Amino acid sequence: MLKIFPFLCIYYQMYLLYIITALSNIKWTLPLIEQFIKTLLNVSLSQDISELKNEILPKPVWQKMEEQLNISAKVLKRFWQYQLYLQLFRVGPIHLSDIKTQLIG
């Protein structure tokens, strides 16, 4: 078991590097984000973006979006989870400087 563990660590680091480079290679412009949201609403059969709050989207949704947008499903899911979802549904401040101001004050 100990001989396999270093291999898994290296594999995981390579996977993270792949995801990070894939995310950094895509320029998320406003038209691309609009297309992402429209496609997400169509594929998830939602009428409004607020219906997606606190929902876990299944893998087939991301696969259909991958086909339509020609962007990896993993990259789309990461963008939704770590960037767009936070900006759409976060009530408090998102920026680090705002959070620091709240902690000090």
PDB file of N, CA and C in Angstrom:
ATOM      1  N   MET A   1       0.821  -1.198   0.000  1.00  0.00           N
ATOM      2  CA  MET A   1       0.000   0.000   0.000  1.00  0.00           C
ATOM      3  C   MET A   1       0.863   1.261   0.000  1.00  0.00           C
ATOM      4  N   LEU A   2       1.961   1.237   0.723  1.00  0.00           N
ATOM      5  CA  LEU A   2       2.817   2.413   0.774  1.00  0.00           C
ATOM      6  C   LEU A   2       3.488   2.699  -0.557  1.00  0.00           C
ATOM      7  N   LYS A   3       3.682   1.679  -1.361  1.00  0.00           N
ATOM      8  CA  LYS A   3       4.311   1.887  -2.658  1.00  0.00           C
ATOM      9  C   LYS A   3       3.358   2.556  -3.636  1.00  0.00           C
ATOM     10  N   ILE A   4       2.066   2.369  -3.462  1.00  0.00           N
ATOM     11  CA  ILE A   4       1.067   2.957  -4.356  1.00  0.00           C
ATOM     12  C   ILE A   4       0.789   4.407  -3.976  1.00  0.00           C
ATOM     13  N   PHE A   5       0.890   4.741  -2.707  1.00  0.00           N
ATOM     14  CA  PHE A   5       0.530   6.067  -2.224  1.00  0.00           C
ATOM     15  C   PHE A   5       1.283   7.202  -2.923  1.00  0.00           C
ATOM     16  N   PRO A   6       2.607   7.145  -3.085  1.00  0.00           N
ATOM     17  CA  PRO A   6       3.286   8.235  -3.807  1.00  0.00           C
ATOM     18  C   PRO A   6       2.791   8.396  -5.243  1.00  0.00           C
ATOM     19  N   PHE A   7       2.470   7.278  -5.881  1.00  0.00           N
ATOM     20  CA  PHE A   7       1.948   7.364  -7.236  1.00  0.00           C
ATOM     21  C   PHE A   7       0.618   8.111  -7.255  1.00  0.00           C
ATOM     22  N   LEU A   8      -0.250   7.840  -6.279  1.00  0.00           N
ATOM     23  CA  LEU A   8      -1.540   8.514  -6.214  1.00  0.00           C
ATOM     24  C   LEU A   8      -1.375  10.006  -5.947  1.00  0.00           C
ATOM     25  N   CYS A   9      -0.411  10.357  -5.113  1.00  0.00           N
ATOM     26  CA  CYS A   9      -0.154  11.771  -4.852  1.00  0.00           C
ATOM     27  C   CYS A   9       0.294  12.493  -6.117  1.00  0.00           C
ATOM     28  N   ILE A  10       1.159  11.881  -6.862  1.00  0.00           N
ATOM     29  CA  ILE A  10       1.646  12.477  -8.106  1.00  0.00           C
ATOM     30  C   ILE A  10       0.506  12.589  -9.115  1.00  0.00           C
ATOM     31  N   TYR A  11      -0.317  11.528  -9.200  1.00  0.00           N
ATOM     32  CA  TYR A  11      -1.448  11.551 -10.117  1.00  0.00           C
ATOM     33  C   TYR A  11      -2.407  12.680  -9.743  1.00  0.00           C
ATOM     34  N   TYR A  12      -2.684  12.841  -8.462  1.00  0.00           N
ATOM     35  CA  TYR A  12      -3.597  13.887  -8.012  1.00  0.00           C
ATOM     36  C   TYR A  12      -3.029  15.272  -8.310  1.00  0.00           C
ATOM     37  N   GLN A  13      -1.735  15.461  -8.101  1.00  0.00           N
ATOM     38  CA  GLN A  13      -1.114  16.745  -8.410  1.00  0.00           C
ATOM     39  C   GLN A  13      -1.168  17.047  -9.901  1.00  0.00           C
ATOM     40  N   MET A  14      -0.971  16.028 -10.723  1.00  0.00           N
ATOM     41  CA  MET A  14      -1.070  16.229 -12.170  1.00  0.00           C
ATOM     42  C   MET A  14      -2.499  16.571 -12.571  1.00  0.00           C
ATOM     43  N   TYR A  15      -3.468  15.925 -11.929  1.00  0.00           N
ATOM     44  CA  TYR A  15      -4.878  16.216 -12.201  1.00  0.00           C
ATOM     45  C   TYR A  15      -5.193  17.659 -11.839  1.00  0.00           C
ATOM     46  N   LEU A  16      -4.752  18.126 -10.672  1.00  0.00           N
ATOM     47  CA  LEU A  16      -4.991  19.509 -10.272  1.00  0.00           C
ATOM     48  C   LEU A  16      -4.319  20.488 -11.226  1.00  0.00           C
ATOM     49  N   LEU A  17      -3.129  20.173 -11.649  1.00  0.00           N
ATOM     50  CA  LEU A  17      -2.423  21.022 -12.603  1.00  0.00           C
ATOM     51  C   LEU A  17      -3.185  21.109 -13.920  1.00  0.00           C
ATOM     52  N   TYR A  18      -3.739  19.978 -14.361  1.00  0.00           N
ATOM     53  CA  TYR A  18      -4.533  19.961 -15.596  1.00  0.00           C
ATOM     54  C   TYR A  18      -5.755  20.850 -15.450  1.00  0.00           C
ATOM     55  N   ILE A  19      -6.461  20.747 -14.344  1.00  0.00           N
ATOM     56  CA  ILE A  19      -7.664  21.559 -14.128  1.00  0.00           C
ATOM     57  C   ILE A  19      -7.304  23.038 -14.064  1.00  0.00           C
ATOM     58  N   ILE A  20      -6.243  23.370 -13.355  1.00  0.00           N
ATOM     59  CA  ILE A  20      -5.837  24.771 -13.223  1.00  0.00           C
ATOM     60  C   ILE A  20      -5.442  25.355 -14.578  1.00  0.00           C
ATOM     61  N   THR A  21      -4.687  24.602 -15.366  1.00  0.00           N
ATOM     62  CA  THR A  21      -4.293  25.117 -16.677  1.00  0.00           C
ATOM     63  C   THR A  21      -5.489  25.198 -17.615  1.00  0.00           C
ATOM     64  N   ALA A  22      -6.412  24.247 -17.498  1.00  0.00           N
ATOM     65  CA  ALA A  22      -7.603  24.302 -18.352  1.00  0.00           C
ATOM     66  C   ALA A  22      -8.455  25.519 -17.995  1.00  0.00           C
ATOM     67  N   LEU A  23      -8.576  25.827 -16.718  1.00  0.00           N
ATOM     68  CA  LEU A  23      -9.333  26.999 -16.298  1.00  0.00           C
ATOM     69  C   LEU A  23      -8.644  28.287 -16.734  1.00  0.00           C
ATOM     70  N   SER A  24      -7.327  28.303 -16.667  1.00  0.00           N
ATOM     71  CA  SER A  24      -6.619  29.525 -17.017  1.00  0.00           C
ATOM     72  C   SER A  24      -6.568  29.751 -18.525  1.00  0.00           C
ATOM     73  N   ASN A  25      -6.734  28.701 -19.318  1.00  0.00           N
ATOM     74  CA  ASN A  25      -6.693  28.849 -20.772  1.00  0.00           C
ATOM     75  C   ASN A  25      -7.974  29.439 -21.333  1.00  0.00           C
ATOM     76  N   ILE A  26      -9.059  29.352 -20.608  1.00  0.00           N
ATOM     77  CA  ILE A  26     -10.342  29.867 -21.094  1.00  0.00           C
ATOM     78  C   ILE A  26     -10.515  31.298 -20.605  1.00  0.00           C
ATOM     79  N   LYS A  27     -10.790  32.173 -21.529  1.00  0.00           N
ATOM     80  CA  LYS A  27     -11.057  33.564 -21.186  1.00  0.00           C
ATOM     81  C   LYS A  27     -12.565  33.724 -21.015  1.00  0.00           C
ATOM     82  N   TRP A  28     -13.001  33.888 -19.773  1.00  0.00           N
ATOM     83  CA  TRP A  28     -14.429  33.984 -19.482  1.00  0.00           C
ATOM     84  C   TRP A  28     -14.896  35.420 -19.730  1.00  0.00           C
ATOM     85  N   THR A  29     -15.273  35.683 -20.958  1.00  0.00           N
ATOM     86  CA  THR A  29     -15.796  36.991 -21.333  1.00  0.00           C
ATOM     87  C   THR A  29     -17.284  37.041 -21.020  1.00  0.00           C
ATOM     88  N   LEU A  30     -17.840  38.221 -21.060  1.00  0.00           N
ATOM     89  CA  LEU A  30     -19.264  38.381 -20.770  1.00  0.00           C
ATOM     90  C   LEU A  30     -20.153  37.597 -21.742  1.00  0.00           C
ATOM     91  N   PRO A  31     -19.885  37.603 -23.053  1.00  0.00           N
ATOM     92  CA  PRO A  31     -20.712  36.788 -23.955  1.00  0.00           C
ATOM     93  C   PRO A  31     -20.608  35.285 -23.664  1.00  0.00           C
ATOM     94  N   LEU A  32     -19.419  34.823 -23.284  1.00  0.00           N
ATOM     95  CA  LEU A  32     -19.258  33.411 -22.967  1.00  0.00           C
ATOM     96  C   LEU A  32     -20.001  33.055 -21.676  1.00  0.00           C
ATOM     97  N   ILE A  33     -19.980  33.953 -20.698  1.00  0.00           N
ATOM     98  CA  ILE A  33     -20.713  33.712 -19.453  1.00  0.00           C
ATOM     99  C   ILE A  33     -22.217  33.712 -19.713  1.00  0.00           C
ATOM    100  N   GLU A  34     -22.686  34.619 -20.568  1.00  0.00           N
ATOM    101  CA  GLU A  34     -24.107  34.637 -20.926  1.00  0.00           C
ATOM    102  C   GLU A  34     -24.509  33.345 -21.626  1.00  0.00           C
ATOM    103  N   GLN A  35     -23.664  32.876 -22.527  1.00  0.00           N
ATOM    104  CA  GLN A  35     -23.927  31.614 -23.214  1.00  0.00           C
ATOM    105  C   GLN A  35     -23.920  30.452 -22.220  1.00  0.00           C
ATOM    106  N   PHE A  36     -23.007  30.483 -21.268  1.00  0.00           N
ATOM    107  CA  PHE A  36     -22.945  29.462 -20.225  1.00  0.00           C
ATOM    108  C   PHE A  36     -24.252  29.420 -19.436  1.00  0.00           C
ATOM    109  N   ILE A  37     -24.738  30.591 -19.012  1.00  0.00           N
ATOM    110  CA  ILE A  37     -25.963  30.646 -18.208  1.00  0.00           C
ATOM    111  C   ILE A  37     -27.167  30.198 -19.023  1.00  0.00           C
ATOM    112  N   LYS A  38     -27.284  30.648 -20.267  1.00  0.00           N
ATOM    113  CA  LYS A  38     -28.406  30.228 -21.116  1.00  0.00           C
ATOM    114  C   LYS A  38     -28.386  28.721 -21.340  1.00  0.00           C
ATOM    115  N   THR A  39     -27.215  28.175 -21.610  1.00  0.00           N
ATOM    116  CA  THR A  39     -27.099  26.732 -21.819  1.00  0.00           C
ATOM    117  C   THR A  39     -27.426  25.976 -20.541  1.00  0.00           C
ATOM    118  N   LEU A  40     -26.958  26.475 -19.423  1.00  0.00           N
ATOM    119  CA  LEU A  40     -27.239  25.835 -18.138  1.00  0.00           C
ATOM    120  C   LEU A  40     -28.737  25.830 -17.840  1.00  0.00           C
ATOM    121  N   LEU A  41     -29.402  26.926 -18.120  1.00  0.00           N
ATOM    122  CA  LEU A  41     -30.852  26.986 -17.895  1.00  0.00           C
ATOM    123  C   LEU A  41     -31.598  26.039 -18.825  1.00  0.00           C
ATOM    124  N   ASN A  42     -31.176  25.966 -20.078  1.00  0.00           N
ATOM    125  CA  ASN A  42     -31.833  25.065 -21.030  1.00  0.00           C
ATOM    126  C   ASN A  42     -31.617  23.600 -20.672  1.00  0.00           C
ATOM    127  N   VAL A  43     -30.396  23.243 -20.342  1.00  0.00           N
ATOM    128  CA  VAL A  43     -30.069  21.846 -20.057  1.00  0.00           C
ATOM    129  C   VAL A  43     -30.687  21.392 -18.741  1.00  0.00           C
ATOM    130  N   SER A  44     -30.698  22.272 -17.747  1.00  0.00           N
ATOM    131  CA  SER A  44     -31.247  21.901 -16.439  1.00  0.00           C
ATOM    132  C   SER A  44     -32.766  22.066 -16.367  1.00  0.00           C
ATOM    133  N   LEU A  45     -33.375  22.543 -17.452  1.00  0.00           N
ATOM    134  CA  LEU A  45     -34.827  22.738 -17.529  1.00  0.00           C
ATOM    135  C   LEU A  45     -35.336  23.705 -16.462  1.00  0.00           C
ATOM    136  N   SER A  46     -34.562  24.742 -16.207  1.00  0.00           N
ATOM    137  CA  SER A  46     -34.932  25.760 -15.230  1.00  0.00           C
ATOM    138  C   SER A  46     -35.406  27.006 -15.966  1.00  0.00           C
ATOM    139  N   GLN A  47     -36.352  27.695 -15.368  1.00  0.00           N
ATOM    140  CA  GLN A  47     -36.866  28.928 -15.955  1.00  0.00           C
ATOM    141  C   GLN A  47     -36.054  30.143 -15.510  1.00  0.00           C
ATOM    142  N   ASP A  48     -35.535  30.076 -14.281  1.00  0.00           N
ATOM    143  CA  ASP A  48     -34.826  31.209 -13.714  1.00  0.00           C
ATOM    144  C   ASP A  48     -33.550  30.708 -13.031  1.00  0.00           C
ATOM    145  N   ILE A  49     -32.537  31.541 -13.000  1.00  0.00           N
ATOM    146  CA  ILE A  49     -31.261  31.151 -12.405  1.00  0.00           C
ATOM    147  C   ILE A  49     -31.401  30.922 -10.907  1.00  0.00           C
ATOM    148  N   SER A  50     -32.355  31.578 -10.269  1.00  0.00           N
ATOM    149  CA  SER A  50     -32.533  31.408  -8.823  1.00  0.00           C
ATOM    150  C   SER A  50     -33.003  29.996  -8.464  1.00  0.00           C
ATOM    151  N   GLU A  51     -33.553  29.260  -9.420  1.00  0.00           N
ATOM    152  CA  GLU A  51     -33.965  27.881  -9.170  1.00  0.00           C
ATOM    153  C   GLU A  51     -32.761  26.960  -8.955  1.00  0.00           C
ATOM    154  N   LEU A  52     -31.596  27.387  -9.386  1.00  0.00           N
ATOM    155  CA  LEU A  52     -30.399  26.562  -9.274  1.00  0.00           C
ATOM    156  C   LEU A  52     -29.658  26.761  -7.957  1.00  0.00           C
ATOM    157  N   LYS A  53     -30.167  27.671  -7.129  1.00  0.00           N
ATOM    158  CA  LYS A  53     -29.525  27.903  -5.841  1.00  0.00           C
ATOM    159  C   LYS A  53     -29.680  26.660  -4.965  1.00  0.00           C
ATOM    160  N   ASN A  54     -28.583  26.232  -4.365  1.00  0.00           N
ATOM    161  CA  ASN A  54     -28.527  25.055  -3.481  1.00  0.00           C
ATOM    162  C   ASN A  54     -28.869  23.749  -4.186  1.00  0.00           C
ATOM    163  N   GLU A  55     -28.776  23.721  -5.490  1.00  0.00           N
ATOM    164  CA  GLU A  55     -29.019  22.492  -6.247  1.00  0.00           C
ATOM    165  C   GLU A  55     -27.689  21.849  -6.628  1.00  0.00           C
ATOM    166  N   ILE A  56     -27.651  20.544  -6.578  1.00  0.00           N
ATOM    167  CA  ILE A  56     -26.489  19.794  -7.054  1.00  0.00           C
ATOM    168  C   ILE A  56     -26.829  19.301  -8.452  1.00  0.00           C
ATOM    169  N   LEU A  57     -26.092  19.772  -9.424  1.00  0.00           N
ATOM    170  CA  LEU A  57     -26.361  19.413 -10.807  1.00  0.00           C
ATOM    171  C   LEU A  57     -25.733  18.064 -11.125  1.00  0.00           C
ATOM    172  N   PRO A  58     -26.489  17.149 -11.716  1.00  0.00           N
ATOM    173  CA  PRO A  58     -25.947  15.819 -12.008  1.00  0.00           C
ATOM    174  C   PRO A  58     -24.965  15.848 -13.178  1.00  0.00           C
ATOM    175  N   LYS A  59     -24.229  14.796 -13.298  1.00  0.00           N
ATOM    176  CA  LYS A  59     -23.185  14.689 -14.323  1.00  0.00           C
ATOM    177  C   LYS A  59     -23.724  14.819 -15.748  1.00  0.00           C
ATOM    178  N   PRO A  60     -24.908  14.253 -16.079  1.00  0.00           N
ATOM    179  CA  PRO A  60     -25.413  14.423 -17.454  1.00  0.00           C
ATOM    180  C   PRO A  60     -25.630  15.879 -17.868  1.00  0.00           C
ATOM    181  N   VAL A  61     -25.945  16.742 -16.904  1.00  0.00           N
ATOM    182  CA  VAL A  61     -26.110  18.171 -17.212  1.00  0.00           C
ATOM    183  C   VAL A  61     -24.778  18.743 -17.693  1.00  0.00           C
ATOM    184  N   TRP A  62     -23.709  18.421 -16.979  1.00  0.00           N
ATOM    185  CA  TRP A  62     -22.385  18.931 -17.356  1.00  0.00           C
ATOM    186  C   TRP A  62     -21.921  18.327 -18.674  1.00  0.00           C
ATOM    187  N   GLN A  63     -22.276  17.082 -18.937  1.00  0.00           N
ATOM    188  CA  GLN A  63     -21.885  16.451 -20.195  1.00  0.00           C
ATOM    189  C   GLN A  63     -22.599  17.088 -21.381  1.00  0.00           C
ATOM    190  N   LYS A  64     -23.887  17.410 -21.221  1.00  0.00           N
ATOM    191  CA  LYS A  64     -24.613  18.085 -22.303  1.00  0.00           C
ATOM    192  C   LYS A  64     -24.066  19.486 -22.546  1.00  0.00           C
ATOM    193  N   MET A  65     -23.708  20.156 -21.457  1.00  0.00           N
ATOM    194  CA  MET A  65     -23.122  21.488 -21.612  1.00  0.00           C
ATOM    195  C   MET A  65     -21.763  21.406 -22.301  1.00  0.00           C
ATOM    196  N   GLU A  66     -21.013  20.366 -21.999  1.00  0.00           N
ATOM    197  CA  GLU A  66     -19.719  20.163 -22.655  1.00  0.00           C
ATOM    198  C   GLU A  66     -19.897  20.011 -24.156  1.00  0.00           C
ATOM    199  N   GLU A  67     -20.909  19.270 -24.566  1.00  0.00           N
ATOM    200  CA  GLU A  67     -21.178  19.084 -25.996  1.00  0.00           C
ATOM    201  C   GLU A  67     -21.563  20.393 -26.669  1.00  0.00           C
ATOM    202  N   GLN A  68     -22.370  21.193 -25.983  1.00  0.00           N
ATOM    203  CA  GLN A  68     -22.873  22.418 -26.604  1.00  0.00           C
ATOM    204  C   GLN A  68     -21.847  23.557 -26.600  1.00  0.00           C
ATOM    205  N   LEU A  69     -21.033  23.641 -25.536  1.00  0.00           N
ATOM    206  CA  LEU A  69     -20.090  24.750 -25.421  1.00  0.00           C
ATOM    207  C   LEU A  69     -18.667  24.404 -25.869  1.00  0.00           C
ATOM    208  N   ASN A  70     -18.404  23.114 -26.076  1.00  0.00           N
ATOM    209  CA  ASN A  70     -17.064  22.645 -26.454  1.00  0.00           C
ATOM    210  C   ASN A  70     -16.001  23.029 -25.423  1.00  0.00           C
ATOM    211  N   ILE A  71     -16.383  22.946 -24.159  1.00  0.00           N
ATOM    212  CA  ILE A  71     -15.478  23.164 -23.035  1.00  0.00           C
ATOM    213  C   ILE A  71     -15.627  21.955 -22.127  1.00  0.00           C
ATOM    214  N   SER A  72     -14.529  21.510 -21.545  1.00  0.00           N
ATOM    215  CA  SER A  72     -14.550  20.335 -20.683  1.00  0.00           C
ATOM    216  C   SER A  72     -15.595  20.461 -19.579  1.00  0.00           C
ATOM    217  N   ALA A  73     -16.288  19.364 -19.299  1.00  0.00           N
ATOM    218  CA  ALA A  73     -17.318  19.360 -18.258  1.00  0.00           C
ATOM    219  C   ALA A  73     -16.723  19.686 -16.896  1.00  0.00           C
ATOM    220  N   LYS A  74     -15.514  19.229 -16.654  1.00  0.00           N
ATOM    221  CA  LYS A  74     -14.860  19.513 -15.375  1.00  0.00           C
ATOM    222  C   LYS A  74     -14.585  21.001 -15.226  1.00  0.00           C
ATOM    223  N   VAL A  75     -14.174  21.630 -16.304  1.00  0.00           N
ATOM    224  CA  VAL A  75     -13.893  23.068 -16.272  1.00  0.00           C
ATOM    225  C   VAL A  75     -15.187  23.847 -16.066  1.00  0.00           C
ATOM    226  N   LEU A  76     -16.247  23.445 -16.738  1.00  0.00           N
ATOM    227  CA  LEU A  76     -17.538  24.111 -16.574  1.00  0.00           C
ATOM    228  C   LEU A  76     -18.050  23.984 -15.146  1.00  0.00           C
ATOM    229  N   LYS A  77     -17.925  22.785 -14.596  1.00  0.00           N
ATOM    230  CA  LYS A  77     -18.397  22.550 -13.231  1.00  0.00           C
ATOM    231  C   LYS A  77     -17.591  23.375 -12.238  1.00  0.00           C
ATOM    232  N   ARG A  78     -16.279  23.429 -12.402  1.00  0.00           N
ATOM    233  CA  ARG A  78     -15.417  24.219 -11.497  1.00  0.00           C
ATOM    234  C   ARG A  78     -15.743  25.708 -11.606  1.00  0.00           C
ATOM    235  N   PHE A  79     -15.964  26.187 -12.834  1.00  0.00           N
ATOM    236  CA  PHE A  79     -16.308  27.597 -13.015  1.00  0.00           C
ATOM    237  C   PHE A  79     -17.614  27.912 -12.298  1.00  0.00           C
ATOM    238  N   TRP A  80     -18.589  27.026 -12.415  1.00  0.00           N
ATOM    239  CA  TRP A  80     -19.873  27.231 -11.751  1.00  0.00           C
ATOM    240  C   TRP A  80     -19.697  27.205 -10.234  1.00  0.00           C
ATOM    241  N   GLN A  81     -19.007  26.220  -9.716  1.00  0.00           N
ATOM    242  CA  GLN A  81     -18.887  26.052  -8.270  1.00  0.00           C
ATOM    243  C   GLN A  81     -18.069  27.146  -7.595  1.00  0.00           C
ATOM    244  N   TYR A  82     -16.955  27.503  -8.193  1.00  0.00           N
ATOM    245  CA  TYR A  82     -16.012  28.369  -7.496  1.00  0.00           C
ATOM    246  C   TYR A  82     -16.037  29.828  -7.916  1.00  0.00           C
ATOM    247  N   GLN A  83     -16.702  30.148  -9.010  1.00  0.00           N
ATOM    248  CA  GLN A  83     -16.706  31.543  -9.432  1.00  0.00           C
ATOM    249  C   GLN A  83     -18.123  32.076  -9.604  1.00  0.00           C
ATOM    250  N   LEU A  84     -18.845  31.554 -10.556  1.00  0.00           N
ATOM    251  CA  LEU A  84     -20.134  32.137 -10.914  1.00  0.00           C
ATOM    252  C   LEU A  84     -21.176  31.950  -9.819  1.00  0.00           C
ATOM    253  N   TYR A  85     -21.260  30.765  -9.245  1.00  0.00           N
ATOM    254  CA  TYR A  85     -22.242  30.508  -8.188  1.00  0.00           C
ATOM    255  C   TYR A  85     -22.035  31.461  -7.015  1.00  0.00           C
ATOM    256  N   LEU A  86     -20.781  31.646  -6.628  1.00  0.00           N
ATOM    257  CA  LEU A  86     -20.488  32.559  -5.520  1.00  0.00           C
ATOM    258  C   LEU A  86     -20.897  33.988  -5.842  1.00  0.00           C
ATOM    259  N   GLN A  87     -20.634  34.418  -7.054  1.00  0.00           N
ATOM    260  CA  GLN A  87     -20.964  35.790  -7.427  1.00  0.00           C
ATOM    261  C   GLN A  87     -22.471  36.007  -7.531  1.00  0.00           C
ATOM    262  N   LEU A  88     -23.207  34.969  -7.921  1.00  0.00           N
ATOM    263  CA  LEU A  88     -24.652  35.115  -8.087  1.00  0.00           C
ATOM    264  C   LEU A  88     -25.421  35.016  -6.772  1.00  0.00           C
ATOM    265  N   PHE A  89     -25.003  34.110  -5.894  1.00  0.00           N
ATOM    266  CA  PHE A  89     -25.827  33.788  -4.729  1.00  0.00           C
ATOM    267  C   PHE A  89     -25.233  34.180  -3.391  1.00  0.00           C
ATOM    268  N   ARG A  90     -24.044  34.707  -3.355  1.00  0.00           N
ATOM    269  CA  ARG A  90     -23.434  35.098  -2.090  1.00  0.00           C
ATOM    270  C   ARG A  90     -24.075  36.381  -1.600  1.00  0.00           C
ATOM    271  N   VAL A  91     -24.518  36.387  -0.339  1.00  0.00           N
ATOM    272  CA  VAL A  91     -25.174  37.562   0.218  1.00  0.00           C
ATOM    273  C   VAL A  91     -24.147  38.579   0.691  1.00  0.00           C
ATOM    274  N   GLY A  92     -23.111  38.119   1.359  1.00  0.00           N
ATOM    275  CA  GLY A  92     -22.082  39.003   1.903  1.00  0.00           C
ATOM    276  C   GLY A  92     -21.020  39.335   0.873  1.00  0.00           C
ATOM    277  N   PRO A  93     -19.947  39.954   1.335  1.00  0.00           N
ATOM    278  CA  PRO A  93     -18.864  40.350   0.421  1.00  0.00           C
ATOM    279  C   PRO A  93     -18.101  39.149  -0.118  1.00  0.00           C
ATOM    280  N   ILE A  94     -17.620  39.281  -1.328  1.00  0.00           N
ATOM    281  CA  ILE A  94     -16.844  38.234  -1.968  1.00  0.00           C
ATOM    282  C   ILE A  94     -15.367  38.606  -1.976  1.00  0.00           C
ATOM    283  N   HIS A  95     -15.065  39.876  -2.134  1.00  0.00           N
ATOM    284  CA  HIS A  95     -13.678  40.320  -2.292  1.00  0.00           C
ATOM    285  C   HIS A  95     -12.931  40.229  -0.967  1.00  0.00           C
ATOM    286  N   LEU A  96     -11.683  39.866  -1.047  1.00  0.00           N
ATOM    287  CA  LEU A  96     -10.843  39.688   0.127  1.00  0.00           C
ATOM    288  C   LEU A  96     -10.735  40.976   0.931  1.00  0.00           C
ATOM    289  N   SER A  97     -10.658  42.104   0.255  1.00  0.00           N
ATOM    290  CA  SER A  97     -10.531  43.376   0.976  1.00  0.00           C
ATOM    291  C   SER A  97     -11.797  43.668   1.789  1.00  0.00           C
ATOM    292  N   ASP A  98     -12.974  43.321   1.253  1.00  0.00           N
ATOM    293  CA  ASP A  98     -14.222  43.514   1.999  1.00  0.00           C
ATOM    294  C   ASP A  98     -14.284  42.608   3.225  1.00  0.00           C
ATOM    295  N   ILE A  99     -13.803  41.389   3.081  1.00  0.00           N
ATOM    296  CA  ILE A  99     -13.802  40.445   4.190  1.00  0.00           C
ATOM    297  C   ILE A  99     -12.851  40.938   5.282  1.00  0.00           C
ATOM    298  N   LYS A 100     -11.676  41.451   4.881  1.00  0.00           N
ATOM    299  CA  LYS A 100     -10.724  41.985   5.860  1.00  0.00           C
ATOM    300  C   LYS A 100     -11.326  43.171   6.593  1.00  0.00           C
ATOM    301  N   THR A 101     -12.039  44.029   5.885  1.00  0.00           N
ATOM    302  CA  THR A 101     -12.680  45.184   6.497  1.00  0.00           C
ATOM    303  C   THR A 101     -13.706  44.725   7.537  1.00  0.00           C
ATOM    304  N   GLN A 102     -14.473  43.700   7.231  1.00  0.00           N
ATOM    305  CA  GLN A 102     -15.454  43.186   8.178  1.00  0.00           C
ATOM    306  C   GLN A 102     -14.776  42.603   9.411  1.00  0.00           C
ATOM    307  N   LEU A 103     -13.660  41.900   9.213  1.00  0.00           N
ATOM    308  CA  LEU A 103     -12.962  41.297  10.343  1.00  0.00           C
ATOM    309  C   LEU A 103     -12.358  42.350  11.261  1.00  0.00           C
ATOM    310  N   ILE A 104     -11.840  43.430  10.690  1.00  0.00           N
ATOM    311  CA  ILE A 104     -11.222  44.490  11.487  1.00  0.00           C
ATOM    312  C   ILE A 104     -12.292  45.302  12.206  1.00  0.00           C
ATOM    313  N   GLY A 105     -13.354  45.619  11.481  1.00  0.00           N
ATOM    314  CA  GLY A 105     -14.400  46.493  12.034  1.00  0.00           C
ATOM    315  C   GLY A 105     -15.344  45.731  12.823  1.00  0.00           C
TER     316      GLY A 105
END
